[in-house]
Amino acid sequence: MTGQAVIELEDVWAGYESDRVLEAVNFRMEAGDYVGLIGPNGGGKTTLVKVILGLIKPERGSVRVMGVSPEKGRQFIGYVPQIQQDDKAFPIKVWDVVSMGRLKPDLLHNLSLKDADKKIVERSLRQMDILDLAKRSINELSGGQRQRVTIARALATEPKILLLDEPTSSVDSRSSSQLYDLLADLNQSISILLISHDLTAISTYVKTIGCVNRRLVYNGQKEITGEMLSSAYECPVDLVAHGLPHRVLPHHHEEDDHD
């Protein structure tokens, strides 16, 4: 690959105090790519996300987002965390949730949006096919609809990169398929980095695949290699070599952690 790098990590080691989670990570994501990262619980996927966002400073190595430091580069990232169970009694409308993507720290004293911002909010809702839900309360929606709202909020920031952590962990299979179809459309104009345990979806929708388990196995290809499976799921190499069926791979849901 020889395009423009939107995310680049070189020999990154990172963790929490004395608990090292990532070792010698090298990763280059190019503009227009749609990368899926798999890996076991505790393997470092969430830590990698935090490093890219500049929330964790590596022990050593370098991180660049859109050519600058993560602290400066995260303005170009639309981050979608794992879906959270919000306070069901909190009465906030879908439009207001997505509008939060247009608010800047220096504008918190004035929560009114300019017309240009309103158009961006409307466009984001339309991109996720939920414009008709704009006046609905967030607590009236299904899990799949709520996840679309969360992604629309990220899109309202007008990101160059969309970073999603387990976006389908709390939605049913039909909603998952619809969500992946929408993400494929978004990838026409936005680079996407997706963290997931859904091996079938990863292999179906993304352009390139990697595996995080302390180290990152990534070669810029779509093929799920034996090395990835062995690293991710601790499968015997001879079993992987003979074609381990997807259905026997464990499927976990990852908490926001100390991953």
Foldseek 3Di string as FASTA:
>chain_A
DPAAFQKWWAQFWFADVVDTQAGGATDTDHQLFAEEEEFAASQCPLVVVCCQCVVTPTPDTAIDGRRHHNPVRCLQELEQEEDDDDDLPDFDALLLLLLVLVDDPVCPVPSDDDPVLSVLLCVLCVLLPNNVRRGPTLSVDDLLVNLSSSVSSSCSSVHQEYEYEASCPRDDPVSVVSVLVSVLVVSVRHYYYYYFLPPVSLLPRGAFYWYGRSYIGGDRGSDCALVRCCRRQVDPSVCVVVPPDPVPGDHDDYDNDSD
